[in-house]
Amino acid sequence: MKGFRESLEQKRAVGSIPVIPDIKIKSPKEGNLFLNITPLEAAQLMEKLGAPAISVVSEQEYFGGSLQLLEEVALAVSLPILRKDFIKVEDDLYRTKNCGATAVLLICACLSDERLRMLYDLAIGLSLEPLIEVHTRDELALAENIGARLIGINNRQILTLEKDNGSVSLTQKLAPSAPQEAFLISESGITTPEQARAAIKAGAGSVLVGTAIWKSPDPGGFYEAMSCGEGKEDEQI
C-alpha cells in the first residue's frame, strides 16, 4: 500500500485535487450525516471514484465514531487511512496502528508542546505518518519546528467542536507561511468545488472534506466535481 503523503502527491501530480473524504458519522453542528449510505459503502464508493486516501473520525461522544469503525474501514478498502481523534497518550497510537491506520492526526490545540513532540516521534517510530493540525500562526511555527512533513490547517476551531463558520480564508492566510518541505492539507469549512480550488491555489496540496459530501444528494457526483483540478471542470461541460 502507498504511504499517505505519497498517495496524495501522486494524485496531485496528475492534475487532480486530492480530496480526502472524511468518514464522520455525525457533526456537532449538522447532526447525523450517514442517513442514505453506510460508512463502509461510502468508503468503498470513494475508493471506486479514485480517492487517494480516506479519513475516519473515531471520536465517539461528539462525532459518533469508534475504533471498530476505523478498523472496518481499513479492512474494507485498500487506501491509506487517517485516524482523526483527540489523540493524547501513547496507547492511542498503538491502538491506531493495530486498527490498520496509515496516518494519525495530532492536534496542536489539544496538546502541550512537549507531548506533541513526544507523540510525533512515537508515531514516526510506529511507521504512522503524523498529520499535525494547526489553526494559528504560532501553531504553524511549532509544526515547522518539529519538522512536520504533513500539516493540516483546520479552517474551523476544533476547541469549539468546529461549530463556527470557518472558511478557506484561514488556509489562504496561513499557507504562505508554511514550510516548503511540508505537504499542506486544508481541513473543514470547504463546501464547494470553488473553495477546494481556492485552497489549492493558496498553497494547499490537498483538501479534507466530510460534511459537504455526505449531505449532498449525490455524494459521488459531488466528490468528482470537488476533485476536478484547475480548468478541468470547464472541459467537462
C-alpha atoms as a PDB file:
ATOM      1  CA  MET A   1       0.000   0.000   0.000  1.00  0.00           C
ATOM      2  CA  LYS A   2       1.153   3.535  -0.759  1.00  0.00           C
ATOM      3  CA  GLY A   3       2.009   5.897   2.045  1.00  0.00           C
ATOM      4  CA  PHE A   4      -0.497   8.598   2.993  1.00  0.00           C
ATOM      5  CA  ARG A   5       1.505  11.574   1.735  1.00  0.00           C
ATOM      6  CA  GLU A   6       2.766   9.612  -1.264  1.00  0.00           C
ATOM      7  CA  SER A   7      -0.777   8.837  -2.396  1.00  0.00           C
ATOM      8  CA  LEU A   8      -1.819  12.490  -2.107  1.00  0.00           C
ATOM      9  CA  GLU A   9       1.226  13.676  -4.023  1.00  0.00           C
ATOM     10  CA  GLN A  10       0.634  11.206  -6.841  1.00  0.00           C
ATOM     11  CA  LYS A  11      -2.978  12.342  -7.198  1.00  0.00           C
ATOM     12  CA  ARG A  12      -1.897  15.972  -7.316  1.00  0.00           C
ATOM     13  CA  ALA A  13       0.815  15.198  -9.880  1.00  0.00           C
ATOM     14  CA  VAL A  14      -1.777  14.181 -12.477  1.00  0.00           C
ATOM     15  CA  GLY A  15      -3.645  17.463 -12.131  1.00  0.00           C
ATOM     16  CA  SER A  16      -6.485  16.384  -9.855  1.00  0.00           C
ATOM     17  CA  ILE A  17      -7.273  17.844  -6.464  1.00  0.00           C
ATOM     18  CA  PRO A  18      -6.571  15.143  -3.857  1.00  0.00           C
ATOM     19  CA  VAL A  19      -9.810  15.244  -1.889  1.00  0.00           C
ATOM     20  CA  ILE A  20      -9.687  13.164   1.285  1.00  0.00           C
ATOM     21  CA  PRO A  21     -13.245  12.065   2.148  1.00  0.00           C
ATOM     22  CA  ASP A  22     -13.840  12.293   5.885  1.00  0.00           C
ATOM     23  CA  ILE A  23     -15.921   9.437   7.323  1.00  0.00           C
ATOM     24  CA  LYS A  24     -17.584  11.288  10.192  1.00  0.00           C
ATOM     25  CA  ILE A  25     -20.805   9.711  11.490  1.00  0.00           C
ATOM     26  CA  LYS A  26     -22.232  12.938  12.875  1.00  0.00           C
ATOM     27  CA  SER A  27     -21.330  16.597  13.093  1.00  0.00           C
ATOM     28  CA  PRO A  28     -21.899  18.600  16.286  1.00  0.00           C
ATOM     29  CA  LYS A  29     -23.149  21.377  14.017  1.00  0.00           C
ATOM     30  CA  GLU A  30     -25.041  19.447  11.296  1.00  0.00           C
ATOM     31  CA  GLY A  31     -26.208  16.294  13.100  1.00  0.00           C
ATOM     32  CA  ASN A  32     -26.239  12.768  11.616  1.00  0.00           C
ATOM     33  CA  LEU A  33     -24.544  12.588   8.225  1.00  0.00           C
ATOM     34  CA  PHE A  34     -24.972   8.973   7.135  1.00  0.00           C
ATOM     35  CA  LEU A  35     -28.691   8.629   6.524  1.00  0.00           C
ATOM     36  CA  ASN A  36     -28.765   7.203   2.995  1.00  0.00           C
ATOM     37  CA  ILE A  37     -25.482   5.297   2.858  1.00  0.00           C
ATOM     38  CA  THR A  38     -23.459   3.302   5.365  1.00  0.00           C
ATOM     39  CA  PRO A  39     -19.912   4.375   6.276  1.00  0.00           C
ATOM     40  CA  LEU A  40     -18.445   1.245   4.674  1.00  0.00           C
ATOM     41  CA  GLU A  41     -20.451   1.750   1.486  1.00  0.00           C
ATOM     42  CA  ALA A  42     -19.265   5.349   1.462  1.00  0.00           C
ATOM     43  CA  ALA A  43     -15.621   4.362   1.851  1.00  0.00           C
ATOM     44  CA  GLN A  44     -15.872   1.814  -0.954  1.00  0.00           C
ATOM     45  CA  LEU A  45     -17.617   4.347  -3.212  1.00  0.00           C
ATOM     46  CA  MET A  46     -14.870   6.890  -2.594  1.00  0.00           C
ATOM     47  CA  GLU A  47     -12.191   4.321  -3.426  1.00  0.00           C
ATOM     48  CA  LYS A  48     -14.034   3.450  -6.654  1.00  0.00           C
ATOM     49  CA  LEU A  49     -14.096   7.159  -7.577  1.00  0.00           C
ATOM     50  CA  GLY A  50     -10.341   7.470  -7.138  1.00  0.00           C
ATOM     51  CA  ALA A  51      -9.936   8.915  -3.655  1.00  0.00           C
ATOM     52  CA  PRO A  52      -6.230   8.902  -2.739  1.00  0.00           C
ATOM     53  CA  ALA A  53      -6.892   8.274   0.963  1.00  0.00           C
ATOM     54  CA  ILE A  54      -9.710   8.186   3.490  1.00  0.00           C
ATOM     55  CA  SER A  55     -10.056   9.876   6.866  1.00  0.00           C
ATOM     56  CA  VAL A  56     -12.001   8.218   9.688  1.00  0.00           C
ATOM     57  CA  VAL A  57     -13.152  10.123  12.770  1.00  0.00           C
ATOM     58  CA  SER A  58     -13.003   7.646  15.643  1.00  0.00           C
ATOM     59  CA  GLU A  59     -14.089  10.029  18.438  1.00  0.00           C
ATOM     60  CA  GLN A  60     -17.361   8.701  19.831  1.00  0.00           C
ATOM     61  CA  GLU A  61     -19.037  11.259  22.111  1.00  0.00           C
ATOM     62  CA  TYR A  62     -19.306  14.186  19.714  1.00  0.00           C
ATOM     63  CA  PHE A  63     -18.687  12.641  16.287  1.00  0.00           C
ATOM     64  CA  GLY A  64     -20.165   9.138  16.634  1.00  0.00           C
ATOM     65  CA  GLY A  65     -17.030   7.231  15.664  1.00  0.00           C
ATOM     66  CA  SER A  66     -15.208   4.264  17.170  1.00  0.00           C
ATOM     67  CA  LEU A  67     -12.072   2.201  16.822  1.00  0.00           C
ATOM     68  CA  GLN A  68     -14.279  -0.542  15.399  1.00  0.00           C
ATOM     69  CA  LEU A  69     -15.333   1.822  12.604  1.00  0.00           C
ATOM     70  CA  LEU A  70     -11.698   2.673  11.938  1.00  0.00           C
ATOM     71  CA  GLU A  71     -10.753  -0.980  11.680  1.00  0.00           C
ATOM     72  CA  GLU A  72     -13.755  -1.861   9.500  1.00  0.00           C
ATOM     73  CA  VAL A  73     -12.983   0.917   7.024  1.00  0.00           C
ATOM     74  CA  ALA A  74      -9.304  -0.061   6.925  1.00  0.00           C
ATOM     75  CA  LEU A  75     -10.343  -3.625   6.042  1.00  0.00           C
ATOM     76  CA  ALA A  76     -12.957  -2.520   3.502  1.00  0.00           C
ATOM     77  CA  VAL A  77     -10.628  -0.501   1.256  1.00  0.00           C
ATOM     78  CA  SER A  78      -7.037  -0.675   0.070  1.00  0.00           C
ATOM     79  CA  LEU A  79      -6.279   3.016   0.626  1.00  0.00           C
ATOM     80  CA  PRO A  80      -4.159   4.827   3.201  1.00  0.00           C
ATOM     81  CA  ILE A  81      -6.304   5.624   6.246  1.00  0.00           C
ATOM     82  CA  LEU A  82      -6.001   8.660   8.517  1.00  0.00           C
ATOM     83  CA  ARG A  83      -7.328   8.352  12.065  1.00  0.00           C
ATOM     84  CA  LYS A  84      -8.852  11.589  13.340  1.00  0.00           C
ATOM     85  CA  ASP A  85      -9.397  11.804  17.072  1.00  0.00           C
ATOM     86  CA  PHE A  86      -8.208  13.689  20.129  1.00  0.00           C
ATOM     87  CA  ILE A  87      -5.004  11.676  20.452  1.00  0.00           C
ATOM     88  CA  LYS A  88      -3.387  12.391  23.817  1.00  0.00           C
ATOM     89  CA  VAL A  89      -1.478   9.342  25.109  1.00  0.00           C
ATOM     90  CA  GLU A  90       0.918   6.761  23.774  1.00  0.00           C
ATOM     91  CA  ASP A  91      -1.636   3.938  23.880  1.00  0.00           C
ATOM     92  CA  ASP A  92      -3.763   5.880  21.396  1.00  0.00           C
ATOM     93  CA  LEU A  93      -1.005   5.485  18.824  1.00  0.00           C
ATOM     94  CA  TYR A  94      -0.601   1.762  19.407  1.00  0.00           C
ATOM     95  CA  ARG A  95      -4.371   1.309  19.016  1.00  0.00           C
ATOM     96  CA  THR A  96      -4.289   3.399  15.846  1.00  0.00           C
ATOM     97  CA  LYS A  97      -1.619   1.162  14.361  1.00  0.00           C
ATOM     98  CA  ASN A  98      -3.400  -2.024  15.418  1.00  0.00           C
ATOM     99  CA  CYS A  99      -6.612  -0.890  13.712  1.00  0.00           C
ATOM    100  CA  GLY A 100      -4.871  -0.590  10.355  1.00  0.00           C
ATOM    101  CA  ALA A 101      -4.455   3.169  10.043  1.00  0.00           C
ATOM    102  CA  THR A 102      -1.620   4.618   7.982  1.00  0.00           C
ATOM    103  CA  ALA A 103      -1.608   8.129   9.446  1.00  0.00           C
ATOM    104  CA  VAL A 104      -2.754   9.821  12.635  1.00  0.00           C
ATOM    105  CA  LEU A 105      -3.947  13.326  13.481  1.00  0.00           C
ATOM    106  CA  LEU A 106      -2.119  15.220  16.225  1.00  0.00           C
ATOM    107  CA  ILE A 107      -3.849  18.483  17.177  1.00  0.00           C
ATOM    108  CA  CYS A 108      -1.653  21.328  18.397  1.00  0.00           C
ATOM    109  CA  ALA A 109      -4.513  22.995  20.286  1.00  0.00           C
ATOM    110  CA  CYS A 110      -5.125  19.873  22.381  1.00  0.00           C
ATOM    111  CA  LEU A 111      -1.543  19.056  23.352  1.00  0.00           C
ATOM    112  CA  SER A 112       1.333  20.699  25.174  1.00  0.00           C
ATOM    113  CA  ASP A 113       4.406  21.328  23.044  1.00  0.00           C
ATOM    114  CA  GLU A 114       6.303  18.619  24.888  1.00  0.00           C
ATOM    115  CA  ARG A 115       3.573  15.981  24.473  1.00  0.00           C
ATOM    116  CA  LEU A 116       3.078  16.878  20.823  1.00  0.00           C
ATOM    117  CA  ARG A 117       6.775  16.300  20.163  1.00  0.00           C
ATOM    118  CA  MET A 118       6.740  13.020  22.068  1.00  0.00           C
ATOM    119  CA  LEU A 119       3.690  11.692  20.237  1.00  0.00           C
ATOM    120  CA  TYR A 120       5.102  12.853  16.903  1.00  0.00           C
ATOM    121  CA  ASP A 121       8.329  10.924  17.483  1.00  0.00           C
ATOM    122  CA  LEU A 122       6.476   7.813  18.661  1.00  0.00           C
ATOM    123  CA  ALA A 123       4.183   7.891  15.626  1.00  0.00           C
ATOM    124  CA  ILE A 124       7.214   8.005  13.340  1.00  0.00           C
ATOM    125  CA  GLY A 125       8.708   5.082  15.242  1.00  0.00           C
ATOM    126  CA  LEU A 126       5.498   3.089  14.688  1.00  0.00           C
ATOM    127  CA  SER A 127       5.532   3.895  10.950  1.00  0.00           C
ATOM    128  CA  LEU A 128       2.444   6.076  11.338  1.00  0.00           C
ATOM    129  CA  GLU A 129       2.525   9.329   9.376  1.00  0.00           C
ATOM    130  CA  PRO A 130       1.640  12.148  11.797  1.00  0.00           C
ATOM    131  CA  LEU A 131      -0.565  14.933  10.437  1.00  0.00           C
ATOM    132  CA  ILE A 132      -0.028  17.992  12.628  1.00  0.00           C
ATOM    133  CA  GLU A 133      -3.187  20.116  12.787  1.00  0.00           C
ATOM    134  CA  VAL A 134      -2.836  23.875  13.225  1.00  0.00           C
ATOM    135  CA  HIS A 135      -5.232  26.805  13.471  1.00  0.00           C
ATOM    136  CA  THR A 136      -2.911  29.741  14.214  1.00  0.00           C
ATOM    137  CA  ARG A 137       0.447  31.131  13.083  1.00  0.00           C
ATOM    138  CA  ASP A 138       2.034  30.090  16.383  1.00  0.00           C
ATOM    139  CA  GLU A 139       0.857  26.510  15.905  1.00  0.00           C
ATOM    140  CA  LEU A 140       2.136  26.553  12.335  1.00  0.00           C
ATOM    141  CA  ALA A 141       5.534  27.683  13.613  1.00  0.00           C
ATOM    142  CA  LEU A 142       5.509  24.836  16.145  1.00  0.00           C
ATOM    143  CA  ALA A 143       4.716  22.297  13.426  1.00  0.00           C
ATOM    144  CA  GLU A 144       7.626  23.639  11.380  1.00  0.00           C
ATOM    145  CA  ASN A 145       9.947  23.475  14.391  1.00  0.00           C
ATOM    146  CA  ILE A 146       9.013  19.840  14.973  1.00  0.00           C
ATOM    147  CA  GLY A 147       9.813  19.077  11.348  1.00  0.00           C
ATOM    148  CA  ALA A 148       6.293  18.061  10.331  1.00  0.00           C
ATOM    149  CA  ARG A 149       6.050  16.716   6.785  1.00  0.00           C
ATOM    150  CA  LEU A 150       2.246  16.737   6.871  1.00  0.00           C
ATOM    151  CA  ILE A 151       0.434  19.819   8.173  1.00  0.00           C
ATOM    152  CA  GLY A 152      -3.324  20.242   8.320  1.00  0.00           C
ATOM    153  CA  ILE A 153      -4.814  23.725   8.514  1.00  0.00           C
ATOM    154  CA  ASN A 154      -8.167  23.400  10.257  1.00  0.00           C
ATOM    155  CA  ASN A 155     -10.299  26.218   8.917  1.00  0.00           C
ATOM    156  CA  ARG A 156     -12.623  25.805  11.882  1.00  0.00           C
ATOM    157  CA  GLN A 157     -11.945  25.923  15.616  1.00  0.00           C
ATOM    158  CA  ILE A 158     -11.631  22.387  16.964  1.00  0.00           C
ATOM    159  CA  LEU A 159     -11.842  23.606  20.560  1.00  0.00           C
ATOM    160  CA  THR A 160     -15.480  24.537  19.911  1.00  0.00           C
ATOM    161  CA  LEU A 161     -16.028  21.247  18.044  1.00  0.00           C
ATOM    162  CA  GLU A 162     -15.986  23.038  14.672  1.00  0.00           C
ATOM    163  CA  LYS A 163     -19.339  24.746  15.275  1.00  0.00           C
ATOM    164  CA  ASP A 164     -18.009  28.057  13.986  1.00  0.00           C
ATOM    165  CA  ASN A 165     -18.303  29.262  10.396  1.00  0.00           C
ATOM    166  CA  GLY A 166     -14.680  28.789   9.429  1.00  0.00           C
ATOM    167  CA  SER A 167     -13.780  29.050   5.775  1.00  0.00           C
ATOM    168  CA  VAL A 168     -10.950  28.506   3.343  1.00  0.00           C
ATOM    169  CA  SER A 169      -9.818  32.053   4.125  1.00  0.00           C
ATOM    170  CA  LEU A 170      -7.744  30.711   7.037  1.00  0.00           C
ATOM    171  CA  THR A 171      -5.876  28.414   4.656  1.00  0.00           C
ATOM    172  CA  GLN A 172      -5.307  31.419   2.389  1.00  0.00           C
ATOM    173  CA  LYS A 173      -3.947  33.321   5.376  1.00  0.00           C
ATOM    174  CA  LEU A 174      -1.620  30.655   6.796  1.00  0.00           C
ATOM    175  CA  ALA A 175      -0.482  28.642   3.783  1.00  0.00           C
ATOM    176  CA  PRO A 176       2.069  31.201   2.515  1.00  0.00           C
ATOM    177  CA  SER A 177       3.922  30.889   5.844  1.00  0.00           C
ATOM    178  CA  ALA A 178       4.078  27.080   5.814  1.00  0.00           C
ATOM    179  CA  PRO A 179       7.447  25.340   5.380  1.00  0.00           C
ATOM    180  CA  GLN A 180       8.110  24.449   1.747  1.00  0.00           C
ATOM    181  CA  GLU A 181       9.009  20.847   2.539  1.00  0.00           C
ATOM    182  CA  ALA A 182       5.655  20.191   4.239  1.00  0.00           C
ATOM    183  CA  PHE A 183       2.586  18.902   2.421  1.00  0.00           C
ATOM    184  CA  LEU A 184      -0.440  21.026   3.388  1.00  0.00           C
ATOM    185  CA  ILE A 185      -3.991  19.780   3.823  1.00  0.00           C
ATOM    186  CA  SER A 186      -6.854  22.263   4.134  1.00  0.00           C
ATOM    187  CA  GLU A 187      -9.428  20.816   6.554  1.00  0.00           C
ATOM    188  CA  SER A 188     -13.062  21.673   7.296  1.00  0.00           C
ATOM    189  CA  GLY A 189     -15.269  24.510   6.087  1.00  0.00           C
ATOM    190  CA  ILE A 190     -14.883  23.536   2.416  1.00  0.00           C
ATOM    191  CA  THR A 191     -18.332  23.147   0.887  1.00  0.00           C
ATOM    192  CA  THR A 192     -17.935  23.787  -2.849  1.00  0.00           C
ATOM    193  CA  PRO A 193     -15.547  22.824  -5.669  1.00  0.00           C
ATOM    194  CA  GLU A 194     -14.633  26.504  -5.981  1.00  0.00           C
ATOM    195  CA  GLN A 195     -13.485  26.575  -2.355  1.00  0.00           C
ATOM    196  CA  ALA A 196     -11.423  23.435  -2.891  1.00  0.00           C
ATOM    197  CA  ARG A 197      -9.665  25.064  -5.828  1.00  0.00           C
ATOM    198  CA  ALA A 198      -9.140  28.218  -3.769  1.00  0.00           C
ATOM    199  CA  ALA A 199      -7.384  26.179  -1.086  1.00  0.00           C
ATOM    200  CA  ILE A 200      -5.105  24.592  -3.688  1.00  0.00           C
ATOM    201  CA  LYS A 201      -4.373  27.965  -5.262  1.00  0.00           C
ATOM    202  CA  ALA A 202      -3.431  29.287  -1.813  1.00  0.00           C
ATOM    203  CA  GLY A 203      -0.806  26.572  -1.394  1.00  0.00           C
ATOM    204  CA  ALA A 204      -2.574  23.510  -0.004  1.00  0.00           C
ATOM    205  CA  GLY A 205      -1.712  20.224  -1.673  1.00  0.00           C
ATOM    206  CA  SER A 206      -4.955  18.527  -0.677  1.00  0.00           C
ATOM    207  CA  VAL A 207      -8.322  19.164   0.959  1.00  0.00           C
ATOM    208  CA  LEU A 208     -10.198  17.117   3.533  1.00  0.00           C
ATOM    209  CA  VAL A 209     -13.979  17.217   3.153  1.00  0.00           C
ATOM    210  CA  GLY A 210     -16.688  15.347   5.014  1.00  0.00           C
ATOM    211  CA  THR A 211     -19.989  17.044   5.788  1.00  0.00           C
ATOM    212  CA  ALA A 212     -20.486  18.607   2.351  1.00  0.00           C
ATOM    213  CA  ILE A 213     -20.023  15.250   0.613  1.00  0.00           C
ATOM    214  CA  TRP A 214     -22.410  13.270   2.804  1.00  0.00           C
ATOM    215  CA  LYS A 215     -25.095  15.972   2.864  1.00  0.00           C
ATOM    216  CA  SER A 216     -25.116  16.095  -0.920  1.00  0.00           C
ATOM    217  CA  PRO A 217     -27.998  14.250  -2.655  1.00  0.00           C
ATOM    218  CA  ASP A 218     -25.328  12.776  -4.949  1.00  0.00           C
ATOM    219  CA  PRO A 219     -22.169  12.149  -2.886  1.00  0.00           C
ATOM    220  CA  GLY A 220     -20.356  10.501  -5.783  1.00  0.00           C
ATOM    221  CA  GLY A 221     -21.064  13.280  -8.249  1.00  0.00           C
ATOM    222  CA  PHE A 222     -20.211  15.922  -5.671  1.00  0.00           C
ATOM    223  CA  TYR A 223     -16.910  14.201  -4.898  1.00  0.00           C
ATOM    224  CA  GLU A 224     -15.969  14.050  -8.577  1.00  0.00           C
ATOM    225  CA  ALA A 225     -16.755  17.759  -9.022  1.00  0.00           C
ATOM    226  CA  MET A 226     -14.696  18.584  -5.933  1.00  0.00           C
ATOM    227  CA  SER A 227     -11.734  16.611  -7.296  1.00  0.00           C
ATOM    228  CA  CYS A 228     -11.544  18.445 -10.612  1.00  0.00           C
ATOM    229  CA  GLY A 229      -8.287  20.328 -10.994  1.00  0.00           C
ATOM    230  CA  GLU A 230      -7.991  23.867 -12.272  1.00  0.00           C
ATOM    231  CA  GLY A 231      -9.649  24.171 -15.670  1.00  0.00           C
ATOM    232  CA  LYS A 232     -10.897  20.560 -15.764  1.00  0.00           C
ATOM    233  CA  GLU A 233     -14.425  21.426 -14.670  1.00  0.00           C
ATOM    234  CA  ASP A 234     -14.873  23.647 -17.717  1.00  0.00           C
ATOM    235  CA  GLU A 235     -13.618  20.891 -20.013  1.00  0.00           C
ATOM    236  CA  GLN A 236     -16.365  18.560 -18.807  1.00  0.00           C
ATOM    237  CA  ILE A 237     -19.203  20.996 -19.547  1.00  0.00           C
END
